[in-house]
Amino acid sequence: MALPTRPVIIGSKFKFMRDGTAFTIPSAGTSGAAAVAGFADTGWISIGKVKDCSVNRQTTDIEIEAPVEIDGEYHMDRLDVIPISNKLDLSFTTQEFSPLALEVIFGTGSLTSASTGWTAGADAEKRGWVFMDFGDHTDVKLSRVPFYGLLKVDGEASFGGGKEFTVKFAFRTLKNALAVAITGP
């Protein structure tokens, strides 16, 4: 299916898989920079209900300029643009408390729903894969893309005082040839 050109409201879902997680789909392997599990693998962790999401792409370029003569006068003109840096960051807010949210907020080791204790600051880095699945307001899937990088809290997590629990995640992508998107259903 081709990507549509029309007004839409887009929603997104996220799954996370830590480096070092064993997977069986598409075949047996261990998650890391050199291997990503299939979307249907059971090793993926739901990030929870996503309230909002943003994608920030930043590029840095070097402009090549040289004097060009026009009507006997010299002017500096841009002759080329050379991109030297390309960064893509994802930011999303969830409204659900989960073991993964607790891990990222407090920098704990790996937690599951069966965990009975944890130590804050034991594992500040959450490196792995995020699958971003997004579709429109009529439940038509637009695209699914895996990203490899670093998951962390972006700012503060908010809870207490009668307020809903929210946590804003930041995912800093790292260039990876396995991060290939599919489009359509």
C-alpha atoms as a PDB file:
ATOM      1  CA  MET A   1       0.000   0.000   0.000  1.00  0.00           C
ATOM      2  CA  ALA A   2       1.284   3.446  -0.848  1.00  0.00           C
ATOM      3  CA  LEU A   3       1.373   6.209   1.727  1.00  0.00           C
ATOM      4  CA  PRO A   4      -1.721   8.398   1.387  1.00  0.00           C
ATOM      5  CA  THR A   5      -1.806  12.148   0.889  1.00  0.00           C
ATOM      6  CA  ARG A   6      -4.796  13.315   2.927  1.00  0.00           C
ATOM      7  CA  PRO A   7      -5.666  14.949   6.244  1.00  0.00           C
ATOM      8  CA  VAL A   8      -5.159  12.495   9.111  1.00  0.00           C
ATOM      9  CA  ILE A   9      -4.826  12.238  12.850  1.00  0.00           C
ATOM     10  CA  ILE A  10      -1.865  10.001  13.614  1.00  0.00           C
ATOM     11  CA  GLY A  11      -1.453   7.807  16.661  1.00  0.00           C
ATOM     12  CA  SER A  12       1.599   5.773  17.576  1.00  0.00           C
ATOM     13  CA  LYS A  13       2.584   2.686  19.577  1.00  0.00           C
ATOM     14  CA  PHE A  14       6.051   1.851  20.809  1.00  0.00           C
ATOM     15  CA  LYS A  15       7.808  -1.349  21.859  1.00  0.00           C
ATOM     16  CA  PHE A  16      11.293  -1.582  23.342  1.00  0.00           C
ATOM     17  CA  MET A  17      13.842  -4.418  23.397  1.00  0.00           C
ATOM     18  CA  ARG A  18      17.014  -4.104  25.478  1.00  0.00           C
ATOM     19  CA  ASP A  19      20.396  -5.107  24.118  1.00  0.00           C
ATOM     20  CA  GLY A  20      21.133  -8.677  25.134  1.00  0.00           C
ATOM     21  CA  THR A  21      17.525  -9.930  24.939  1.00  0.00           C
ATOM     22  CA  ALA A  22      17.143 -13.350  23.328  1.00  0.00           C
ATOM     23  CA  PHE A  23      14.623 -13.551  20.483  1.00  0.00           C
ATOM     24  CA  THR A  24      13.251 -16.230  18.162  1.00  0.00           C
ATOM     25  CA  ILE A  25      11.610 -14.217  15.360  1.00  0.00           C
ATOM     26  CA  PRO A  26      12.626 -14.063  12.515  1.00  0.00           C
ATOM     27  CA  SER A  27      15.181 -16.644  13.754  1.00  0.00           C
ATOM     28  CA  ALA A  28      17.066 -17.205  17.001  1.00  0.00           C
ATOM     29  CA  GLY A  29      19.378 -14.380  18.015  1.00  0.00           C
ATOM     30  CA  THR A  30      20.308 -11.817  20.637  1.00  0.00           C
ATOM     31  CA  SER A  31      19.193  -8.189  20.379  1.00  0.00           C
ATOM     32  CA  GLY A  32      21.916  -5.614  19.818  1.00  0.00           C
ATOM     33  CA  ALA A  33      23.364  -3.278  17.215  1.00  0.00           C
ATOM     34  CA  ALA A  34      23.901  -6.234  14.857  1.00  0.00           C
ATOM     35  CA  ALA A  35      20.518  -7.955  15.349  1.00  0.00           C
ATOM     36  CA  VAL A  36      16.896  -6.882  15.680  1.00  0.00           C
ATOM     37  CA  ALA A  37      13.937  -9.114  16.506  1.00  0.00           C
ATOM     38  CA  GLY A  38      10.851  -9.316  14.339  1.00  0.00           C
ATOM     39  CA  PHE A  39       7.859  -7.213  15.366  1.00  0.00           C
ATOM     40  CA  ALA A  40       5.888 -10.299  16.496  1.00  0.00           C
ATOM     41  CA  ASP A  41       8.623 -11.590  18.848  1.00  0.00           C
ATOM     42  CA  THR A  42       7.548 -11.971  22.490  1.00  0.00           C
ATOM     43  CA  GLY A  43      10.711 -10.275  23.821  1.00  0.00           C
ATOM     44  CA  TRP A  44       9.402  -6.786  23.017  1.00  0.00           C
ATOM     45  CA  ILE A  45       8.236  -4.678  25.976  1.00  0.00           C
ATOM     46  CA  SER A  46       5.238  -2.395  25.532  1.00  0.00           C
ATOM     47  CA  ILE A  47       6.098   1.183  26.406  1.00  0.00           C
ATOM     48  CA  GLY A  48       2.466   1.828  27.363  1.00  0.00           C
ATOM     49  CA  LYS A  49      -0.239   4.160  26.147  1.00  0.00           C
ATOM     50  CA  VAL A  50       1.371   7.000  24.205  1.00  0.00           C
ATOM     51  CA  LYS A  51      -0.212  10.396  24.824  1.00  0.00           C
ATOM     52  CA  ASP A  52       1.908  12.319  22.332  1.00  0.00           C
ATOM     53  CA  CYS A  53       4.915  11.818  20.119  1.00  0.00           C
ATOM     54  CA  SER A  54       7.333  14.025  18.231  1.00  0.00           C
ATOM     55  CA  VAL A  55      10.200  13.400  15.855  1.00  0.00           C
ATOM     56  CA  ASN A  56      13.107  15.847  15.709  1.00  0.00           C
ATOM     57  CA  ARG A  57      15.551  15.662  12.816  1.00  0.00           C
ATOM     58  CA  GLN A  58      18.609  17.881  13.032  1.00  0.00           C
ATOM     59  CA  THR A  59      21.210  18.292  10.321  1.00  0.00           C
ATOM     60  CA  THR A  60      24.441  20.246  10.234  1.00  0.00           C
ATOM     61  CA  ASP A  61      25.807  21.433   6.916  1.00  0.00           C
ATOM     62  CA  ILE A  62      28.916  23.165   5.674  1.00  0.00           C
ATOM     63  CA  GLU A  63      28.272  25.704   2.954  1.00  0.00           C
ATOM     64  CA  ILE A  64      30.854  26.102   0.203  1.00  0.00           C
ATOM     65  CA  GLU A  65      31.038  29.682  -1.036  1.00  0.00           C
ATOM     66  CA  ALA A  66      33.231  31.340  -3.627  1.00  0.00           C
ATOM     67  CA  PRO A  67      33.400  34.715  -5.331  1.00  0.00           C
ATOM     68  CA  VAL A  68      31.425  34.856  -8.561  1.00  0.00           C
ATOM     69  CA  GLU A  69      31.724  37.731 -11.042  1.00  0.00           C
ATOM     70  CA  ILE A  70      28.458  39.344 -12.060  1.00  0.00           C
ATOM     71  CA  ASP A  71      28.588  42.456 -14.312  1.00  0.00           C
ATOM     72  CA  GLY A  72      32.194  43.107 -13.374  1.00  0.00           C
ATOM     73  CA  GLU A  73      31.540  42.864  -9.628  1.00  0.00           C
ATOM     74  CA  TYR A  74      32.349  39.938  -7.367  1.00  0.00           C
ATOM     75  CA  HIS A  75      29.759  38.478  -5.031  1.00  0.00           C
ATOM     76  CA  MET A  76      30.004  35.525  -2.664  1.00  0.00           C
ATOM     77  CA  ASP A  77      27.654  32.791  -3.832  1.00  0.00           C
ATOM     78  CA  ARG A  78      26.834  29.459  -2.314  1.00  0.00           C
ATOM     79  CA  LEU A  79      28.124  26.746  -4.636  1.00  0.00           C
ATOM     80  CA  ASP A  80      27.446  23.637  -2.607  1.00  0.00           C
ATOM     81  CA  VAL A  81      26.109  22.342   0.697  1.00  0.00           C
ATOM     82  CA  ILE A  82      27.836  19.383   2.344  1.00  0.00           C
ATOM     83  CA  PRO A  83      25.908  17.607   5.106  1.00  0.00           C
ATOM     84  CA  ILE A  84      28.221  16.572   7.962  1.00  0.00           C
ATOM     85  CA  SER A  85      25.780  15.536  10.692  1.00  0.00           C
ATOM     86  CA  ASN A  86      22.339  13.947  10.687  1.00  0.00           C
ATOM     87  CA  LYS A  87      20.505  13.221  13.970  1.00  0.00           C
ATOM     88  CA  LEU A  88      17.039  11.833  14.608  1.00  0.00           C
ATOM     89  CA  ASP A  89      15.464  11.880  18.070  1.00  0.00           C
ATOM     90  CA  LEU A  90      12.059  10.622  19.157  1.00  0.00           C
ATOM     91  CA  SER A  91      10.147  12.015  22.108  1.00  0.00           C
ATOM     92  CA  PHE A  92       6.962  10.476  23.483  1.00  0.00           C
ATOM     93  CA  THR A  93       4.867  10.779  26.632  1.00  0.00           C
ATOM     94  CA  THR A  94       3.165   7.782  28.216  1.00  0.00           C
ATOM     95  CA  GLN A  95       0.341   7.728  30.719  1.00  0.00           C
ATOM     96  CA  GLU A  96       0.930   4.291  32.206  1.00  0.00           C
ATOM     97  CA  PHE A  97       3.099   3.137  35.056  1.00  0.00           C
ATOM     98  CA  SER A  98       5.172   0.106  34.019  1.00  0.00           C
ATOM     99  CA  PRO A  99       8.356  -1.737  34.999  1.00  0.00           C
ATOM    100  CA  LEU A 100      10.095  -0.121  32.006  1.00  0.00           C
ATOM    101  CA  ALA A 101       9.011   3.373  33.109  1.00  0.00           C
ATOM    102  CA  LEU A 102      10.402   2.671  36.586  1.00  0.00           C
ATOM    103  CA  GLU A 103      13.667   1.383  35.062  1.00  0.00           C
ATOM    104  CA  VAL A 104      14.197   4.489  32.978  1.00  0.00           C
ATOM    105  CA  ILE A 105      13.083   7.010  35.628  1.00  0.00           C
ATOM    106  CA  PHE A 106      15.314   5.638  38.377  1.00  0.00           C
ATOM    107  CA  GLY A 107      18.084   4.014  36.298  1.00  0.00           C
ATOM    108  CA  THR A 108      17.462   0.530  37.678  1.00  0.00           C
ATOM    109  CA  GLY A 109      18.506  -2.786  36.209  1.00  0.00           C
ATOM    110  CA  SER A 110      16.020  -4.754  34.090  1.00  0.00           C
ATOM    111  CA  LEU A 111      12.603  -5.054  35.751  1.00  0.00           C
ATOM    112  CA  THR A 112       9.533  -7.173  35.015  1.00  0.00           C
ATOM    113  CA  SER A 113       6.074  -7.383  36.571  1.00  0.00           C
ATOM    114  CA  ALA A 114       7.522 -10.140  38.834  1.00  0.00           C
ATOM    115  CA  SER A 115      10.384  -7.957  40.199  1.00  0.00           C
ATOM    116  CA  THR A 116      10.403  -7.594  43.995  1.00  0.00           C
ATOM    117  CA  GLY A 117      13.141  -4.993  44.461  1.00  0.00           C
ATOM    118  CA  TRP A 118      15.476  -2.647  42.654  1.00  0.00           C
ATOM    119  CA  THR A 119      18.418  -0.296  43.170  1.00  0.00           C
ATOM    120  CA  ALA A 120      18.280   3.269  41.855  1.00  0.00           C
ATOM    121  CA  GLY A 121      21.172   4.283  39.639  1.00  0.00           C
ATOM    122  CA  ALA A 122      22.274   0.691  38.979  1.00  0.00           C
ATOM    123  CA  ASP A 123      21.924   0.949  35.185  1.00  0.00           C
ATOM    124  CA  ALA A 124      21.559   4.431  33.790  1.00  0.00           C
ATOM    125  CA  GLU A 125      21.811   3.423  30.121  1.00  0.00           C
ATOM    126  CA  LYS A 126      18.967   1.650  28.306  1.00  0.00           C
ATOM    127  CA  ARG A 127      20.381   0.802  24.902  1.00  0.00           C
ATOM    128  CA  GLY A 128      18.312  -1.229  22.478  1.00  0.00           C
ATOM    129  CA  TRP A 129      15.660  -1.182  19.785  1.00  0.00           C
ATOM    130  CA  VAL A 130      12.389   0.743  19.629  1.00  0.00           C
ATOM    131  CA  PHE A 131       9.666  -0.269  17.188  1.00  0.00           C
ATOM    132  CA  MET A 132       7.488   2.708  16.294  1.00  0.00           C
ATOM    133  CA  ASP A 133       4.166   1.694  14.757  1.00  0.00           C
ATOM    134  CA  PHE A 134       1.890   4.473  13.614  1.00  0.00           C
ATOM    135  CA  GLY A 135      -1.468   4.721  11.922  1.00  0.00           C
ATOM    136  CA  ASP A 136      -4.312   7.048  11.227  1.00  0.00           C
ATOM    137  CA  HIS A 137      -7.614   7.779  12.967  1.00  0.00           C
ATOM    138  CA  THR A 138      -9.364   5.020  10.949  1.00  0.00           C
ATOM    139  CA  ASP A 139      -6.894   2.355  12.199  1.00  0.00           C
ATOM    140  CA  VAL A 140      -5.053   2.165   8.881  1.00  0.00           C
ATOM    141  CA  LYS A 141      -1.392   1.403   9.570  1.00  0.00           C
ATOM    142  CA  LEU A 142       0.822   3.969   7.856  1.00  0.00           C
ATOM    143  CA  SER A 143       4.263   2.707   8.786  1.00  0.00           C
ATOM    144  CA  ARG A 144       6.297   0.564  11.155  1.00  0.00           C
ATOM    145  CA  VAL A 145       9.973   1.318  11.736  1.00  0.00           C
ATOM    146  CA  PRO A 146      12.643  -0.037  14.074  1.00  0.00           C
ATOM    147  CA  PHE A 147      15.205   2.375  15.522  1.00  0.00           C
ATOM    148  CA  TYR A 148      18.375   1.467  17.408  1.00  0.00           C
ATOM    149  CA  GLY A 149      19.601   3.810  20.122  1.00  0.00           C
ATOM    150  CA  LEU A 150      19.401   4.981  23.710  1.00  0.00           C
ATOM    151  CA  LEU A 151      16.156   5.257  25.738  1.00  0.00           C
ATOM    152  CA  LYS A 152      16.032   7.744  28.603  1.00  0.00           C
ATOM    153  CA  VAL A 153      13.716  10.093  30.482  1.00  0.00           C
ATOM    154  CA  ASP A 154      13.354  13.509  28.877  1.00  0.00           C
ATOM    155  CA  GLY A 155      12.982  15.879  31.815  1.00  0.00           C
ATOM    156  CA  GLU A 156      10.863  14.824  34.737  1.00  0.00           C
ATOM    157  CA  ALA A 157       8.330  12.121  35.419  1.00  0.00           C
ATOM    158  CA  SER A 158       5.171  13.500  36.977  1.00  0.00           C
ATOM    159  CA  PHE A 159       3.103  11.739  39.642  1.00  0.00           C
ATOM    160  CA  GLY A 160       1.452  12.353  42.985  1.00  0.00           C
ATOM    161  CA  GLY A 161      -0.840  15.110  44.170  1.00  0.00           C
ATOM    162  CA  GLY A 162      -3.851  13.573  42.461  1.00  0.00           C
ATOM    163  CA  LYS A 163      -2.287  13.961  39.004  1.00  0.00           C
ATOM    164  CA  GLU A 164      -2.119  11.255  36.364  1.00  0.00           C
ATOM    165  CA  PHE A 165       1.206   9.456  36.053  1.00  0.00           C
ATOM    166  CA  THR A 166       3.121  10.596  32.975  1.00  0.00           C
ATOM    167  CA  VAL A 167       6.665  10.086  31.817  1.00  0.00           C
ATOM    168  CA  LYS A 168       8.281  11.710  28.807  1.00  0.00           C
ATOM    169  CA  PHE A 169      10.746   9.402  27.091  1.00  0.00           C
ATOM    170  CA  ALA A 170      13.506  10.447  24.723  1.00  0.00           C
ATOM    171  CA  PHE A 171      14.993   7.987  22.276  1.00  0.00           C
ATOM    172  CA  ARG A 172      18.243   9.094  20.658  1.00  0.00           C
ATOM    173  CA  THR A 173      18.638   7.051  17.501  1.00  0.00           C
ATOM    174  CA  LEU A 174      21.977   5.693  16.376  1.00  0.00           C
ATOM    175  CA  LYS A 175      22.658   5.011  12.713  1.00  0.00           C
ATOM    176  CA  ASN A 176      21.939   1.376  11.951  1.00  0.00           C
ATOM    177  CA  ALA A 177      21.488  -0.398   8.605  1.00  0.00           C
ATOM    178  CA  LEU A 178      18.845  -2.710  10.144  1.00  0.00           C
ATOM    179  CA  ALA A 179      16.495   0.238  10.837  1.00  0.00           C
ATOM    180  CA  VAL A 180      14.351  -0.285   7.725  1.00  0.00           C
ATOM    181  CA  ALA A 181      10.711   0.861   7.751  1.00  0.00           C
ATOM    182  CA  ILE A 182       7.745  -0.830   6.130  1.00  0.00           C
ATOM    183  CA  THR A 183       4.668   1.059   4.979  1.00  0.00           C
ATOM    184  CA  GLY A 184       1.028   0.136   4.797  1.00  0.00           C
ATOM    185  CA  PRO A 185      -0.923  -2.645   6.479  1.00  0.00           C
END
